[in-house]
């Protein structure tokens, strides 16, 4: 009985993301499959750009081999693309994001870097101490992540902490807020105030 419940849960999850995938202009790539998995993966990657392999597999409740097979096939057919990101391979809908945006989405999928970006969007004058206190982490942790964000081209540390292309980072956070944490959802609710025009 328990196994049937798990199967129903898996089917419901696959159907939900398959509906997103079916709405994609790239749906023709997955239609010949007897499984909902290709459409579900395409829908999931569209809704959660920058997700890594394990997240795709776990959130869709798929097996490792099944996930590898469908990701490889979707990428080979040009429906999705991927990039290496340290120990991860991150997946994106094909042709939708620039290299900068793909790198940014990879970092925004990590809690501490995302928290730092959100904090700097709210308060561009935030110091390392401000960031550490707001995120509940140590100053060395902030410094370590800031160095990685700088190396990735998302932050400049020439004079304090300054976001590179803050409008793009804000747009990515707002557009995909539902796929990030509560911090991104709260930021999305404040976005109008953050970008308010002041002549």
C-alpha atoms as a PDB file:
ATOM      1  CA  UNK A   1       0.000   0.000   0.000  1.00  0.00           C
ATOM      2  CA  UNK A   2       2.785   2.411   0.868  1.00  0.00           C
ATOM      3  CA  UNK A   3       4.488   1.795  -2.471  1.00  0.00           C
ATOM      4  CA  UNK A   4       1.283   2.697  -4.323  1.00  0.00           C
ATOM      5  CA  UNK A   5       1.170   6.009  -2.408  1.00  0.00           C
ATOM      6  CA  UNK A   6       4.724   6.786  -3.431  1.00  0.00           C
ATOM      7  CA  UNK A   7       3.915   5.933  -7.058  1.00  0.00           C
ATOM      8  CA  UNK A   8       0.842   8.198  -6.995  1.00  0.00           C
ATOM      9  CA  UNK A   9       2.892  11.008  -5.475  1.00  0.00           C
ATOM     10  CA  UNK A  10       5.545  10.545  -8.147  1.00  0.00           C
ATOM     11  CA  UNK A  11       2.921  10.503 -10.894  1.00  0.00           C
ATOM     12  CA  UNK A  12       1.302  13.689  -9.562  1.00  0.00           C
ATOM     13  CA  UNK A  13       4.668  15.460  -9.434  1.00  0.00           C
ATOM     14  CA  UNK A  14       5.563  14.324 -12.954  1.00  0.00           C
ATOM     15  CA  UNK A  15       2.145  15.379 -14.293  1.00  0.00           C
ATOM     16  CA  UNK A  16       2.455  18.842 -12.731  1.00  0.00           C
ATOM     17  CA  UNK A  17       5.836  19.540 -14.309  1.00  0.00           C
ATOM     18  CA  UNK A  18       4.896  17.719 -17.528  1.00  0.00           C
ATOM     19  CA  UNK A  19       2.115  20.274 -17.971  1.00  0.00           C
ATOM     20  CA  UNK A  20       4.747  23.018 -17.808  1.00  0.00           C
ATOM     21  CA  UNK A  21       6.930  21.122 -20.240  1.00  0.00           C
ATOM     22  CA  UNK A  22       4.003  20.571 -22.614  1.00  0.00           C
ATOM     23  CA  UNK A  23       3.448  24.334 -22.696  1.00  0.00           C
ATOM     24  CA  UNK A  24       7.032  24.861 -23.825  1.00  0.00           C
ATOM     25  CA  UNK A  25       7.740  25.629 -27.481  1.00  0.00           C
ATOM     26  CA  UNK A  26      10.341  22.854 -27.226  1.00  0.00           C
ATOM     27  CA  UNK A  27       7.734  20.178 -26.417  1.00  0.00           C
ATOM     28  CA  UNK A  28       8.192  18.470 -29.797  1.00  0.00           C
ATOM     29  CA  UNK A  29      11.452  17.014 -28.469  1.00  0.00           C
ATOM     30  CA  UNK A  30       9.751  14.828 -25.869  1.00  0.00           C
ATOM     31  CA  UNK A  31       6.427  13.844 -27.409  1.00  0.00           C
ATOM     32  CA  UNK A  32       7.387  10.410 -28.679  1.00  0.00           C
ATOM     33  CA  UNK A  33       8.071   9.073 -25.189  1.00  0.00           C
ATOM     34  CA  UNK A  34       5.624   6.846 -23.334  1.00  0.00           C
ATOM     35  CA  UNK A  35       6.702   8.471 -20.057  1.00  0.00           C
ATOM     36  CA  UNK A  36       5.799  11.861 -18.591  1.00  0.00           C
ATOM     37  CA  UNK A  37       9.423  12.164 -17.456  1.00  0.00           C
ATOM     38  CA  UNK A  38      10.844  14.095 -20.470  1.00  0.00           C
ATOM     39  CA  UNK A  39       8.069  16.714 -20.378  1.00  0.00           C
ATOM     40  CA  UNK A  40       8.329  16.857 -16.575  1.00  0.00           C
ATOM     41  CA  UNK A  41      12.085  17.422 -16.732  1.00  0.00           C
ATOM     42  CA  UNK A  42      11.674  20.096 -19.405  1.00  0.00           C
ATOM     43  CA  UNK A  43       8.953  21.784 -17.337  1.00  0.00           C
ATOM     44  CA  UNK A  44      11.032  21.566 -14.182  1.00  0.00           C
ATOM     45  CA  UNK A  45      14.146  23.015 -15.832  1.00  0.00           C
ATOM     46  CA  UNK A  46      12.022  25.831 -17.299  1.00  0.00           C
ATOM     47  CA  UNK A  47      10.548  26.632 -13.870  1.00  0.00           C
ATOM     48  CA  UNK A  48      13.820  26.084 -11.977  1.00  0.00           C
ATOM     49  CA  UNK A  49      16.646  27.194 -14.286  1.00  0.00           C
ATOM     50  CA  UNK A  50      20.071  26.438 -12.879  1.00  0.00           C
ATOM     51  CA  UNK A  51      18.928  23.370 -10.935  1.00  0.00           C
ATOM     52  CA  UNK A  52      21.624  20.706 -10.676  1.00  0.00           C
ATOM     53  CA  UNK A  53      21.233  17.030 -11.498  1.00  0.00           C
ATOM     54  CA  UNK A  54      20.455  15.787  -7.976  1.00  0.00           C
ATOM     55  CA  UNK A  55      17.787  18.447  -7.464  1.00  0.00           C
ATOM     56  CA  UNK A  56      16.074  17.554 -10.743  1.00  0.00           C
ATOM     57  CA  UNK A  57      16.172  13.856  -9.850  1.00  0.00           C
ATOM     58  CA  UNK A  58      15.046  14.260  -6.244  1.00  0.00           C
ATOM     59  CA  UNK A  59      12.315  16.850  -6.795  1.00  0.00           C
ATOM     60  CA  UNK A  60      10.801  14.820  -9.640  1.00  0.00           C
ATOM     61  CA  UNK A  61      11.256  11.561  -7.690  1.00  0.00           C
ATOM     62  CA  UNK A  62      13.017   9.882 -10.594  1.00  0.00           C
ATOM     63  CA  UNK A  63      15.746   7.278 -10.586  1.00  0.00           C
ATOM     64  CA  UNK A  64      19.336   8.259 -11.290  1.00  0.00           C
ATOM     65  CA  UNK A  65      19.560   6.346 -14.572  1.00  0.00           C
ATOM     66  CA  UNK A  66      16.170   7.571 -15.768  1.00  0.00           C
ATOM     67  CA  UNK A  67      17.109  11.179 -15.008  1.00  0.00           C
ATOM     68  CA  UNK A  68      20.494  10.844 -16.738  1.00  0.00           C
ATOM     69  CA  UNK A  69      18.887   9.278 -19.803  1.00  0.00           C
ATOM     70  CA  UNK A  70      16.221  11.949 -20.264  1.00  0.00           C
ATOM     71  CA  UNK A  71      18.530  14.890 -19.485  1.00  0.00           C
ATOM     72  CA  UNK A  72      21.086  13.580 -21.980  1.00  0.00           C
ATOM     73  CA  UNK A  73      18.380  13.094 -24.600  1.00  0.00           C
ATOM     74  CA  UNK A  74      16.775  16.523 -24.050  1.00  0.00           C
ATOM     75  CA  UNK A  75      20.191  18.166 -24.221  1.00  0.00           C
ATOM     76  CA  UNK A  76      21.151  16.214 -27.344  1.00  0.00           C
ATOM     77  CA  UNK A  77      17.929  17.304 -29.047  1.00  0.00           C
ATOM     78  CA  UNK A  78      18.538  20.954 -28.153  1.00  0.00           C
ATOM     79  CA  UNK A  79      15.674  21.384 -25.671  1.00  0.00           C
ATOM     80  CA  UNK A  80      17.955  22.112 -22.720  1.00  0.00           C
ATOM     81  CA  UNK A  81      21.576  23.053 -22.174  1.00  0.00           C
ATOM     82  CA  UNK A  82      23.933  22.630 -19.251  1.00  0.00           C
ATOM     83  CA  UNK A  83      27.129  24.012 -17.794  1.00  0.00           C
ATOM     84  CA  UNK A  84      29.665  22.823 -15.249  1.00  0.00           C
ATOM     85  CA  UNK A  85      29.554  24.677 -11.949  1.00  0.00           C
ATOM     86  CA  UNK A  86      32.176  23.319  -9.573  1.00  0.00           C
ATOM     87  CA  UNK A  87      30.980  19.871  -8.526  1.00  0.00           C
ATOM     88  CA  UNK A  88      27.600  20.391 -10.195  1.00  0.00           C
ATOM     89  CA  UNK A  89      26.168  20.318 -13.693  1.00  0.00           C
ATOM     90  CA  UNK A  90      23.367  22.870 -13.932  1.00  0.00           C
ATOM     91  CA  UNK A  91      20.544  22.736 -16.485  1.00  0.00           C
ATOM     92  CA  UNK A  92      18.746  25.523 -18.365  1.00  0.00           C
ATOM     93  CA  UNK A  93      16.140  25.772 -21.111  1.00  0.00           C
ATOM     94  CA  UNK A  94      18.110  26.103 -24.352  1.00  0.00           C
ATOM     95  CA  UNK A  95      18.833  29.591 -25.618  1.00  0.00           C
ATOM     96  CA  UNK A  96      17.074  31.445 -22.809  1.00  0.00           C
ATOM     97  CA  UNK A  97      19.952  32.735 -20.664  1.00  0.00           C
ATOM     98  CA  UNK A  98      23.242  34.471 -21.366  1.00  0.00           C
ATOM     99  CA  UNK A  99      26.463  33.118 -19.875  1.00  0.00           C
ATOM    100  CA  UNK A 100      26.317  35.800 -17.147  1.00  0.00           C
ATOM    101  CA  UNK A 101      22.723  34.809 -16.307  1.00  0.00           C
ATOM    102  CA  UNK A 102      23.592  31.101 -16.181  1.00  0.00           C
ATOM    103  CA  UNK A 103      26.495  31.765 -13.815  1.00  0.00           C
ATOM    104  CA  UNK A 104      24.290  34.055 -11.724  1.00  0.00           C
ATOM    105  CA  UNK A 105      21.498  31.474 -11.502  1.00  0.00           C
ATOM    106  CA  UNK A 106      24.010  28.881 -10.327  1.00  0.00           C
ATOM    107  CA  UNK A 107      25.068  31.124  -7.447  1.00  0.00           C
ATOM    108  CA  UNK A 108      21.496  32.180  -6.686  1.00  0.00           C
ATOM    109  CA  UNK A 109      20.641  28.497  -6.180  1.00  0.00           C
ATOM    110  CA  UNK A 110      23.007  28.538  -3.158  1.00  0.00           C
ATOM    111  CA  UNK A 111      21.525  29.933   0.077  1.00  0.00           C
ATOM    112  CA  UNK A 112      24.412  32.090   1.361  1.00  0.00           C
ATOM    113  CA  UNK A 113      25.391  33.718  -1.963  1.00  0.00           C
ATOM    114  CA  UNK A 114      21.703  34.313  -2.715  1.00  0.00           C
ATOM    115  CA  UNK A 115      21.245  35.873   0.711  1.00  0.00           C
ATOM    116  CA  UNK A 116      24.209  38.164   0.091  1.00  0.00           C
ATOM    117  CA  UNK A 117      22.854  39.266  -3.292  1.00  0.00           C
ATOM    118  CA  UNK A 118      19.384  39.879  -1.823  1.00  0.00           C
ATOM    119  CA  UNK A 119      20.883  41.904   1.049  1.00  0.00           C
ATOM    120  CA  UNK A 120      23.002  43.995  -1.345  1.00  0.00           C
ATOM    121  CA  UNK A 121      19.998  44.660  -3.581  1.00  0.00           C
ATOM    122  CA  UNK A 122      18.101  45.937  -0.546  1.00  0.00           C
ATOM    123  CA  UNK A 123      21.056  47.873   0.860  1.00  0.00           C
ATOM    124  CA  UNK A 124      23.918  48.527  -1.599  1.00  0.00           C
ATOM    125  CA  UNK A 125      25.968  50.043   1.253  1.00  0.00           C
ATOM    126  CA  UNK A 126      25.902  46.867   3.367  1.00  0.00           C
ATOM    127  CA  UNK A 127      29.262  45.954   4.876  1.00  0.00           C
ATOM    128  CA  UNK A 128      30.677  42.497   5.481  1.00  0.00           C
ATOM    129  CA  UNK A 129      29.590  42.812   9.119  1.00  0.00           C
ATOM    130  CA  UNK A 130      26.059  43.773   8.015  1.00  0.00           C
ATOM    131  CA  UNK A 131      25.865  40.795   5.675  1.00  0.00           C
ATOM    132  CA  UNK A 132      27.176  38.382   8.319  1.00  0.00           C
ATOM    133  CA  UNK A 133      24.703  39.630  10.937  1.00  0.00           C
ATOM    134  CA  UNK A 134      21.758  39.588   8.531  1.00  0.00           C
ATOM    135  CA  UNK A 135      22.491  36.079   7.298  1.00  0.00           C
ATOM    136  CA  UNK A 136      23.511  34.640  10.649  1.00  0.00           C
ATOM    137  CA  UNK A 137      26.927  33.550   9.382  1.00  0.00           C
ATOM    138  CA  UNK A 138      30.497  34.488  10.276  1.00  0.00           C
ATOM    139  CA  UNK A 139      32.490  37.285   8.655  1.00  0.00           C
ATOM    140  CA  UNK A 140      34.960  34.728   7.188  1.00  0.00           C
ATOM    141  CA  UNK A 141      31.997  32.924   5.580  1.00  0.00           C
ATOM    142  CA  UNK A 142      30.854  36.183   3.971  1.00  0.00           C
ATOM    143  CA  UNK A 143      34.404  36.885   2.824  1.00  0.00           C
ATOM    144  CA  UNK A 144      34.770  33.393   1.317  1.00  0.00           C
ATOM    145  CA  UNK A 145      31.502  33.666  -0.628  1.00  0.00           C
ATOM    146  CA  UNK A 146      32.253  37.247  -1.669  1.00  0.00           C
ATOM    147  CA  UNK A 147      35.564  36.082  -3.174  1.00  0.00           C
ATOM    148  CA  UNK A 148      33.736  33.406  -5.169  1.00  0.00           C
ATOM    149  CA  UNK A 149      31.064  35.876  -6.301  1.00  0.00           C
ATOM    150  CA  UNK A 150      33.825  38.271  -7.368  1.00  0.00           C
ATOM    151  CA  UNK A 151      35.643  35.536  -9.283  1.00  0.00           C
ATOM    152  CA  UNK A 152      32.349  34.717 -11.030  1.00  0.00           C
ATOM    153  CA  UNK A 153      31.893  38.369 -12.036  1.00  0.00           C
ATOM    154  CA  UNK A 154      28.815  38.994  -9.878  1.00  0.00           C
ATOM    155  CA  UNK A 155      30.384  41.199  -7.192  1.00  0.00           C
ATOM    156  CA  UNK A 156      33.158  43.779  -7.103  1.00  0.00           C
ATOM    157  CA  UNK A 157      35.117  44.237  -3.867  1.00  0.00           C
ATOM    158  CA  UNK A 158      37.176  47.209  -5.016  1.00  0.00           C
ATOM    159  CA  UNK A 159      35.316  49.563  -2.675  1.00  0.00           C
ATOM    160  CA  UNK A 160      33.204  47.548  -0.257  1.00  0.00           C
ATOM    161  CA  UNK A 161      30.735  45.113  -1.826  1.00  0.00           C
ATOM    162  CA  UNK A 162      29.115  46.154  -5.103  1.00  0.00           C
ATOM    163  CA  UNK A 163      26.898  43.980  -7.292  1.00  0.00           C
ATOM    164  CA  UNK A 164      27.735  43.737 -10.975  1.00  0.00           C
ATOM    165  CA  UNK A 165      24.634  44.135 -13.172  1.00  0.00           C
ATOM    166  CA  UNK A 166      22.224  44.476 -10.210  1.00  0.00           C
ATOM    167  CA  UNK A 167      19.220  44.943 -12.524  1.00  0.00           C
ATOM    168  CA  UNK A 168      19.857  41.555 -14.122  1.00  0.00           C
ATOM    169  CA  UNK A 169      20.279  39.878 -10.732  1.00  0.00           C
ATOM    170  CA  UNK A 170      17.050  41.460  -9.470  1.00  0.00           C
ATOM    171  CA  UNK A 171      15.191  40.370 -12.593  1.00  0.00           C
ATOM    172  CA  UNK A 172      16.387  36.760 -12.222  1.00  0.00           C
ATOM    173  CA  UNK A 173      15.397  36.698  -8.550  1.00  0.00           C
ATOM    174  CA  UNK A 174      11.961  38.193  -9.186  1.00  0.00           C
ATOM    175  CA  UNK A 175      11.185  36.174 -12.308  1.00  0.00           C
ATOM    176  CA  UNK A 176      12.065  32.871 -10.624  1.00  0.00           C
ATOM    177  CA  UNK A 177      11.217  33.799  -7.014  1.00  0.00           C
ATOM    178  CA  UNK A 178       8.985  30.747  -6.534  1.00  0.00           C
ATOM    179  CA  UNK A 179      11.900  28.430  -7.235  1.00  0.00           C
ATOM    180  CA  UNK A 180      14.196  30.116  -4.712  1.00  0.00           C
ATOM    181  CA  UNK A 181      13.749  30.478  -0.951  1.00  0.00           C
ATOM    182  CA  UNK A 182      11.605  32.793   1.115  1.00  0.00           C
ATOM    183  CA  UNK A 183      14.229  35.545   0.831  1.00  0.00           C
ATOM    184  CA  UNK A 184      13.670  35.780  -2.939  1.00  0.00           C
ATOM    185  CA  UNK A 185       9.884  35.746  -2.555  1.00  0.00           C
ATOM    186  CA  UNK A 186      10.091  38.591  -0.039  1.00  0.00           C
ATOM    187  CA  UNK A 187      12.423  40.505  -2.351  1.00  0.00           C
ATOM    188  CA  UNK A 188      10.005  40.031  -5.264  1.00  0.00           C
ATOM    189  CA  UNK A 189       7.267  41.629  -3.162  1.00  0.00           C
ATOM    190  CA  UNK A 190       9.554  44.637  -2.574  1.00  0.00           C
ATOM    191  CA  UNK A 191      10.881  44.904  -6.134  1.00  0.00           C
ATOM    192  CA  UNK A 192       8.802  47.957  -7.042  1.00  0.00           C
ATOM    193  CA  UNK A 193      10.318  49.911  -4.159  1.00  0.00           C
ATOM    194  CA  UNK A 194      13.837  48.774  -5.006  1.00  0.00           C
ATOM    195  CA  UNK A 195      13.621  49.958  -8.619  1.00  0.00           C
ATOM    196  CA  UNK A 196      11.557  53.081  -7.940  1.00  0.00           C
ATOM    197  CA  UNK A 197      12.559  55.916 -10.248  1.00  0.00           C
ATOM    198  CA  UNK A 198      13.799  59.013  -8.449  1.00  0.00           C
ATOM    199  CA  UNK A 199      14.537  61.909 -10.864  1.00  0.00           C
END
